[in-house]
All heavy atoms as atom14 arrays in JSON, in Angstrom:
{
  "sequence": "RLQVEPRRGAATFVPGDEVQLQQVILNLAMNGL",
  "atom14_mask": [
    [1, 1, 1, 1, 1, 1, 1, 1, 1, 1, 1, 0, 0, 0],
    [1, 1, 1, 1, 1, 1, 1, 1, 0, 0, 0, 0, 0, 0],
    [1, 1, 1, 1, 1, 1, 1, 1, 1, 0, 0, 0, 0, 0],
    [1, 1, 1, 1, 1, 1, 1, 0, 0, 0, 0, 0, 0, 0],
    [1, 1, 1, 1, 1, 1, 1, 1, 1, 0, 0, 0, 0, 0],
    [1, 1, 1, 1, 1, 1, 1, 0, 0, 0, 0, 0, 0, 0],
    [1, 1, 1, 1, 1, 1, 1, 1, 1, 1, 1, 0, 0, 0],
    [1, 1, 1, 1, 1, 1, 1, 1, 1, 1, 1, 0, 0, 0],
    [1, 1, 1, 1, 0, 0, 0, 0, 0, 0, 0, 0, 0, 0],
    [1, 1, 1, 1, 1, 0, 0, 0, 0, 0, 0, 0, 0, 0],
    [1, 1, 1, 1, 1, 0, 0, 0, 0, 0, 0, 0, 0, 0],
    [1, 1, 1, 1, 1, 1, 1, 0, 0, 0, 0, 0, 0, 0],
    [1, 1, 1, 1, 1, 1, 1, 1, 1, 1, 1, 0, 0, 0],
    [1, 1, 1, 1, 1, 1, 1, 0, 0, 0, 0, 0, 0, 0],
    [1, 1, 1, 1, 1, 1, 1, 0, 0, 0, 0, 0, 0, 0],
    [1, 1, 1, 1, 0, 0, 0, 0, 0, 0, 0, 0, 0, 0],
    [1, 1, 1, 1, 1, 1, 1, 1, 0, 0, 0, 0, 0, 0],
    [1, 1, 1, 1, 1, 1, 1, 1, 1, 0, 0, 0, 0, 0],
    [1, 1, 1, 1, 1, 1, 1, 0, 0, 0, 0, 0, 0, 0],
    [1, 1, 1, 1, 1, 1, 1, 1, 1, 0, 0, 0, 0, 0],
    [1, 1, 1, 1, 1, 1, 1, 1, 0, 0, 0, 0, 0, 0],
    [1, 1, 1, 1, 1, 1, 1, 1, 1, 0, 0, 0, 0, 0],
    [1, 1, 1, 1, 1, 1, 1, 1, 1, 0, 0, 0, 0, 0],
    [1, 1, 1, 1, 1, 1, 1, 0, 0, 0, 0, 0, 0, 0],
    [1, 1, 1, 1, 1, 1, 1, 1, 0, 0, 0, 0, 0, 0],
    [1, 1, 1, 1, 1, 1, 1, 1, 0, 0, 0, 0, 0, 0],
    [1, 1, 1, 1, 1, 1, 1, 1, 0, 0, 0, 0, 0, 0],
    [1, 1, 1, 1, 1, 1, 1, 1, 0, 0, 0, 0, 0, 0],
    [1, 1, 1, 1, 1, 0, 0, 0, 0, 0, 0, 0, 0, 0],
    [1, 1, 1, 1, 1, 1, 1, 1, 0, 0, 0, 0, 0, 0],
    [1, 1, 1, 1, 1, 1, 1, 1, 0, 0, 0, 0, 0, 0],
    [1, 1, 1, 1, 0, 0, 0, 0, 0, 0, 0, 0, 0, 0],
    [1, 1, 1, 1, 1, 1, 1, 1, 0, 0, 0, 0, 0, 0]
  ],
  "atom14_positions": [
    [[-147.62, 31.45, 31.28], [-146.38, 30.95, 30.71], [-145.77, 29.69, 31.42], [-145.59, 29.79, 32.52], [-145.26, 32.11, 30.69], [-145.68, 33.3, 29.76], [-144.48, 34.38, 29.9], [-144.31, 34.87, 31.15], [-143.26, 34.83, 31.93], [-142.45, 34.0, 31.45], [-143.2, 35.42, 33.07], [0.0, 0.0, 0.0], [0.0, 0.0, 0.0], [0.0, 0.0, 0.0]],
    [[-145.55, 28.77, 30.56], [-144.93, 27.61, 31.09], [-143.4, 27.64, 30.72], [-143.05, 27.82, 29.66], [-145.48, 26.25, 30.48], [-146.85, 25.8, 30.88], [-147.29, 24.53, 30.07], [-146.69, 25.49, 32.32], [0.0, 0.0, 0.0], [0.0, 0.0, 0.0], [0.0, 0.0, 0.0], [0.0, 0.0, 0.0], [0.0, 0.0, 0.0], [0.0, 0.0, 0.0]],
    [[-142.64, 27.21, 31.84], [-141.18, 27.32, 31.59], [-140.54, 26.07, 32.29], [-140.64, 25.85, 33.53], [-140.77, 28.72, 32.4], [-139.1, 28.78, 32.2], [-138.64, 30.13, 32.99], [-139.44, 30.92, 33.28], [-137.35, 30.13, 33.21], [0.0, 0.0, 0.0], [0.0, 0.0, 0.0], [0.0, 0.0, 0.0], [0.0, 0.0, 0.0], [0.0, 0.0, 0.0]],
    [[-139.86, 25.38, 31.39], [-139.17, 24.04, 31.9], [-137.74, 24.37, 31.79], [-137.17, 24.72, 30.75], [-139.57, 22.92, 31.06], [-138.74, 21.71, 31.54], [-141.02, 22.59, 31.0], [0.0, 0.0, 0.0], [0.0, 0.0, 0.0], [0.0, 0.0, 0.0], [0.0, 0.0, 0.0], [0.0, 0.0, 0.0], [0.0, 0.0, 0.0], [0.0, 0.0, 0.0]],
    [[-137.16, 24.24, 33.03], [-135.73, 24.59, 33.09], [-134.96, 23.48, 32.44], [-135.37, 22.38, 32.46], [-135.23, 24.67, 34.55], [-135.88, 25.77, 35.43], [-135.41, 27.07, 34.97], [-134.33, 27.27, 34.43], [-136.15, 28.15, 35.21], [0.0, 0.0, 0.0], [0.0, 0.0, 0.0], [0.0, 0.0, 0.0], [0.0, 0.0, 0.0], [0.0, 0.0, 0.0]],
    [[-133.69, 23.81, 31.82], [-132.9, 22.76, 31.19], [-132.43, 21.71, 32.18], [-132.44, 21.94, 33.41], [-131.77, 23.54, 30.66], [-132.19, 24.96, 30.55], [-133.15, 25.19, 31.81], [0.0, 0.0, 0.0], [0.0, 0.0, 0.0], [0.0, 0.0, 0.0], [0.0, 0.0, 0.0], [0.0, 0.0, 0.0], [0.0, 0.0, 0.0], [0.0, 0.0, 0.0]],
    [[-132.08, 20.55, 31.69], [-131.66, 19.57, 32.54], [-130.49, 19.84, 33.37], [-129.5, 20.42, 32.75], [-131.46, 18.24, 31.66], [-131.11, 16.98, 32.46], [-130.5, 15.95, 31.5], [-131.58, 15.51, 30.55], [-132.47, 14.48, 30.71], [-132.48, 13.82, 31.88], [-133.3, 14.22, 29.77], [0.0, 0.0, 0.0], [0.0, 0.0, 0.0], [0.0, 0.0, 0.0]],
    [[-130.55, 19.7, 34.56], [-129.4, 19.83, 35.47], [-128.94, 18.69, 36.09], [-129.64, 17.84, 36.74], [-129.75, 20.88, 36.46], [-130.28, 22.23, 36.07], [-130.62, 23.12, 37.2], [-131.24, 24.4, 36.79], [-131.65, 25.29, 37.56], [-131.79, 25.12, 38.89], [-132.21, 26.42, 37.07], [0.0, 0.0, 0.0], [0.0, 0.0, 0.0], [0.0, 0.0, 0.0]],
    [[-127.61, 18.31, 35.98], [-127.03, 17.06, 36.53], [-126.89, 16.0, 35.35], [-127.63, 15.97, 34.45], [0.0, 0.0, 0.0], [0.0, 0.0, 0.0], [0.0, 0.0, 0.0], [0.0, 0.0, 0.0], [0.0, 0.0, 0.0], [0.0, 0.0, 0.0], [0.0, 0.0, 0.0], [0.0, 0.0, 0.0], [0.0, 0.0, 0.0], [0.0, 0.0, 0.0]],
    [[-126.03, 15.07, 35.63], [-125.7, 14.12, 34.59], [-126.82, 13.12, 34.58], [-127.16, 12.54, 33.43], [-124.46, 13.35, 34.97], [0.0, 0.0, 0.0], [0.0, 0.0, 0.0], [0.0, 0.0, 0.0], [0.0, 0.0, 0.0], [0.0, 0.0, 0.0], [0.0, 0.0, 0.0], [0.0, 0.0, 0.0], [0.0, 0.0, 0.0], [0.0, 0.0, 0.0]],
    [[-127.56, 12.76, 35.68], [-128.63, 11.79, 35.56], [-129.89, 12.22, 36.47], [-129.66, 12.72, 37.53], [-128.15, 10.43, 36.07], [0.0, 0.0, 0.0], [0.0, 0.0, 0.0], [0.0, 0.0, 0.0], [0.0, 0.0, 0.0], [0.0, 0.0, 0.0], [0.0, 0.0, 0.0], [0.0, 0.0, 0.0], [0.0, 0.0, 0.0], [0.0, 0.0, 0.0]],
    [[-130.96, 12.08, 35.76], [-132.19, 12.51, 36.43], [-133.17, 11.29, 36.5], [-134.34, 11.38, 36.49], [-132.94, 13.74, 35.75], [-133.12, 13.32, 34.47], [-132.11, 14.93, 35.88], [0.0, 0.0, 0.0], [0.0, 0.0, 0.0], [0.0, 0.0, 0.0], [0.0, 0.0, 0.0], [0.0, 0.0, 0.0], [0.0, 0.0, 0.0], [0.0, 0.0, 0.0]],
    [[-132.67, 10.04, 36.51], [-133.28, 8.8, 36.56], [-133.66, 8.4, 38.06], [-132.69, 8.46, 38.86], [-132.68, 7.78, 35.73], [-132.75, 8.02, 34.25], [-131.84, 8.68, 33.66], [-133.77, 7.36, 33.58], [-131.98, 8.87, 32.18], [-133.81, 7.4, 32.18], [-132.88, 8.19, 31.47], [0.0, 0.0, 0.0], [0.0, 0.0, 0.0], [0.0, 0.0, 0.0]],
    [[-134.88, 7.91, 38.26], [-135.16, 7.26, 39.65], [-135.86, 6.03, 39.34], [-136.58, 5.83, 38.3], [-135.94, 8.23, 40.43], [-135.15, 9.55, 40.81], [-137.27, 8.63, 39.74], [0.0, 0.0, 0.0], [0.0, 0.0, 0.0], [0.0, 0.0, 0.0], [0.0, 0.0, 0.0], [0.0, 0.0, 0.0], [0.0, 0.0, 0.0], [0.0, 0.0, 0.0]],
    [[-135.8, 5.07, 40.3], [-136.69, 3.79, 40.19], [-138.08, 4.14, 40.52], [-138.29, 4.73, 41.68], [-136.0, 2.87, 41.08], [-135.31, 3.64, 42.06], [-134.98, 4.92, 41.31], [0.0, 0.0, 0.0], [0.0, 0.0, 0.0], [0.0, 0.0, 0.0], [0.0, 0.0, 0.0], [0.0, 0.0, 0.0], [0.0, 0.0, 0.0], [0.0, 0.0, 0.0]],
    [[-139.0, 3.74, 39.8], [-140.38, 4.15, 40.25], [-141.48, 3.75, 39.13], [-141.22, 3.22, 38.09], [0.0, 0.0, 0.0], [0.0, 0.0, 0.0], [0.0, 0.0, 0.0], [0.0, 0.0, 0.0], [0.0, 0.0, 0.0], [0.0, 0.0, 0.0], [0.0, 0.0, 0.0], [0.0, 0.0, 0.0], [0.0, 0.0, 0.0], [0.0, 0.0, 0.0]],
    [[-142.7, 4.12, 39.46], [-143.79, 3.91, 38.56], [-144.02, 5.25, 37.8], [-144.46, 6.25, 38.31], [-145.14, 3.54, 39.39], [-146.31, 3.22, 38.42], [-146.56, 4.04, 37.62], [-146.9, 2.14, 38.69], [0.0, 0.0, 0.0], [0.0, 0.0, 0.0], [0.0, 0.0, 0.0], [0.0, 0.0, 0.0], [0.0, 0.0, 0.0], [0.0, 0.0, 0.0]],
    [[-143.78, 5.21, 36.38], [-143.77, 6.48, 35.7], [-145.2, 7.21, 35.74], [-145.24, 8.39, 35.75], [-143.4, 6.13, 34.31], [-143.3, 7.37, 33.39], [-142.77, 7.08, 31.99], [-142.7, 5.78, 31.65], [-142.53, 8.02, 31.16], [0.0, 0.0, 0.0], [0.0, 0.0, 0.0], [0.0, 0.0, 0.0], [0.0, 0.0, 0.0], [0.0, 0.0, 0.0]],
    [[-146.33, 6.39, 35.63], [-147.55, 6.99, 35.59], [-147.96, 7.68, 36.93], [-148.25, 8.87, 36.87], [-148.66, 5.84, 35.31], [-150.08, 6.41, 35.58], [-148.52, 5.33, 34.01], [0.0, 0.0, 0.0], [0.0, 0.0, 0.0], [0.0, 0.0, 0.0], [0.0, 0.0, 0.0], [0.0, 0.0, 0.0], [0.0, 0.0, 0.0], [0.0, 0.0, 0.0]],
    [[-147.52, 7.0, 37.98], [-147.78, 7.7, 39.36], [-146.99, 8.88, 39.46], [-147.44, 10.08, 40.02], [-147.43, 6.69, 40.36], [-148.49, 5.59, 40.6], [-148.15, 4.58, 41.72], [-147.24, 4.79, 42.49], [-149.02, 3.66, 41.92], [0.0, 0.0, 0.0], [0.0, 0.0, 0.0], [0.0, 0.0, 0.0], [0.0, 0.0, 0.0], [0.0, 0.0, 0.0]],
    [[-145.62, 8.86, 39.08], [-144.84, 10.14, 39.3], [-145.27, 11.25, 38.31], [-145.16, 12.39, 38.73], [-143.43, 9.55, 39.04], [-142.74, 8.79, 39.97], [-141.34, 8.39, 39.62], [-142.75, 9.33, 41.41], [0.0, 0.0, 0.0], [0.0, 0.0, 0.0], [0.0, 0.0, 0.0], [0.0, 0.0, 0.0], [0.0, 0.0, 0.0], [0.0, 0.0, 0.0]],
    [[-145.68, 11.0, 37.06], [-146.25, 11.89, 36.19], [-147.53, 12.53, 36.88], [-147.8, 13.68, 36.72], [-146.55, 11.37, 34.81], [-145.39, 11.18, 33.98], [-145.69, 10.77, 32.53], [-146.78, 10.63, 32.25], [-144.62, 10.66, 31.79], [0.0, 0.0, 0.0], [0.0, 0.0, 0.0], [0.0, 0.0, 0.0], [0.0, 0.0, 0.0], [0.0, 0.0, 0.0]],
    [[-148.34, 11.64, 37.58], [-149.59, 12.05, 38.06], [-149.2, 13.11, 39.25], [-149.88, 14.15, 39.41], [-150.24, 10.99, 38.75], [-151.71, 11.31, 39.19], [-152.61, 11.55, 38.07], [-152.38, 11.16, 36.94], [-153.73, 12.4, 38.26], [0.0, 0.0, 0.0], [0.0, 0.0, 0.0], [0.0, 0.0, 0.0], [0.0, 0.0, 0.0], [0.0, 0.0, 0.0]],
    [[-148.12, 12.96, 39.94], [-147.64, 13.86, 41.02], [-147.28, 15.23, 40.32], [-147.72, 16.28, 40.85], [-146.49, 13.26, 41.9], [-145.88, 14.36, 42.83], [-146.99, 12.07, 42.63], [0.0, 0.0, 0.0], [0.0, 0.0, 0.0], [0.0, 0.0, 0.0], [0.0, 0.0, 0.0], [0.0, 0.0, 0.0], [0.0, 0.0, 0.0], [0.0, 0.0, 0.0]],
    [[-146.46, 15.21, 39.38], [-146.0, 16.39, 38.78], [-147.11, 17.17, 37.97], [-147.38, 18.35, 38.15], [-145.03, 16.17, 37.49], [-143.77, 15.41, 38.19], [-144.54, 17.32, 36.85], [-142.85, 14.76, 37.14], [0.0, 0.0, 0.0], [0.0, 0.0, 0.0], [0.0, 0.0, 0.0], [0.0, 0.0, 0.0], [0.0, 0.0, 0.0], [0.0, 0.0, 0.0]],
    [[-148.15, 16.29, 37.43], [-149.34, 17.0, 36.83], [-150.31, 17.76, 37.97], [-150.68, 18.76, 37.82], [-150.15, 15.99, 36.15], [-151.34, 16.47, 35.35], [-151.0, 17.52, 34.26], [-152.13, 15.26, 34.83], [0.0, 0.0, 0.0], [0.0, 0.0, 0.0], [0.0, 0.0, 0.0], [0.0, 0.0, 0.0], [0.0, 0.0, 0.0], [0.0, 0.0, 0.0]],
    [[-150.36, 16.96, 39.07], [-151.19, 17.56, 40.12], [-150.62, 18.9, 40.7], [-151.28, 19.9, 40.82], [-151.27, 16.57, 41.24], [-152.21, 17.19, 42.51], [-151.69, 17.61, 43.47], [-153.54, 17.02, 42.24], [0.0, 0.0, 0.0], [0.0, 0.0, 0.0], [0.0, 0.0, 0.0], [0.0, 0.0, 0.0], [0.0, 0.0, 0.0], [0.0, 0.0, 0.0]],
    [[-149.1, 18.91, 40.96], [-148.58, 20.02, 41.44], [-148.69, 21.29, 40.36], [-148.88, 22.39, 40.76], [-147.14, 19.78, 41.67], [-146.83, 18.67, 42.85], [-145.3, 18.54, 42.92], [-147.61, 19.03, 44.17], [0.0, 0.0, 0.0], [0.0, 0.0, 0.0], [0.0, 0.0, 0.0], [0.0, 0.0, 0.0], [0.0, 0.0, 0.0], [0.0, 0.0, 0.0]],
    [[-148.48, 20.92, 39.14], [-148.56, 21.9, 37.99], [-150.04, 22.48, 37.94], [-150.27, 23.65, 37.8], [-148.2, 21.3, 36.77], [0.0, 0.0, 0.0], [0.0, 0.0, 0.0], [0.0, 0.0, 0.0], [0.0, 0.0, 0.0], [0.0, 0.0, 0.0], [0.0, 0.0, 0.0], [0.0, 0.0, 0.0], [0.0, 0.0, 0.0], [0.0, 0.0, 0.0]],
    [[-151.05, 21.55, 37.99], [-152.42, 22.15, 37.99], [-152.75, 22.96, 39.18], [-153.41, 23.94, 39.06], [-153.44, 20.89, 37.94], [-153.4, 20.17, 36.53], [-153.98, 21.23, 35.11], [-155.56, 21.6, 35.72], [0.0, 0.0, 0.0], [0.0, 0.0, 0.0], [0.0, 0.0, 0.0], [0.0, 0.0, 0.0], [0.0, 0.0, 0.0], [0.0, 0.0, 0.0]],
    [[-152.17, 22.58, 40.4], [-152.39, 23.38, 41.54], [-151.74, 24.81, 41.26], [-152.38, 25.91, 41.74], [-151.8, 22.74, 42.76], [-152.75, 21.7, 43.21], [-153.87, 21.56, 42.8], [-152.18, 20.83, 44.12], [0.0, 0.0, 0.0], [0.0, 0.0, 0.0], [0.0, 0.0, 0.0], [0.0, 0.0, 0.0], [0.0, 0.0, 0.0], [0.0, 0.0, 0.0]],
    [[-150.54, 24.86, 40.68], [-149.92, 26.03, 40.27], [-150.78, 26.96, 39.47], [-150.83, 28.14, 39.57], [0.0, 0.0, 0.0], [0.0, 0.0, 0.0], [0.0, 0.0, 0.0], [0.0, 0.0, 0.0], [0.0, 0.0, 0.0], [0.0, 0.0, 0.0], [0.0, 0.0, 0.0], [0.0, 0.0, 0.0], [0.0, 0.0, 0.0], [0.0, 0.0, 0.0]],
    [[-151.4, 26.3, 38.31], [-152.13, 27.12, 37.55], [-153.36, 27.55, 38.12], [-153.77, 28.91, 38.06], [-152.69, 26.16, 36.42], [-151.58, 25.66, 35.38], [-152.25, 24.89, 34.25], [-150.88, 26.87, 34.77], [0.0, 0.0, 0.0], [0.0, 0.0, 0.0], [0.0, 0.0, 0.0], [0.0, 0.0, 0.0], [0.0, 0.0, 0.0], [0.0, 0.0, 0.0]]
  ]
}
């Protein structure tokens, strides 16, 4: 089961490279699976 918590906080924006940061999230999620 995949569970994404609702947005918390007024702003969740950071300066960065979107592809690289998505790669980090994807890697952590795949390790979790």
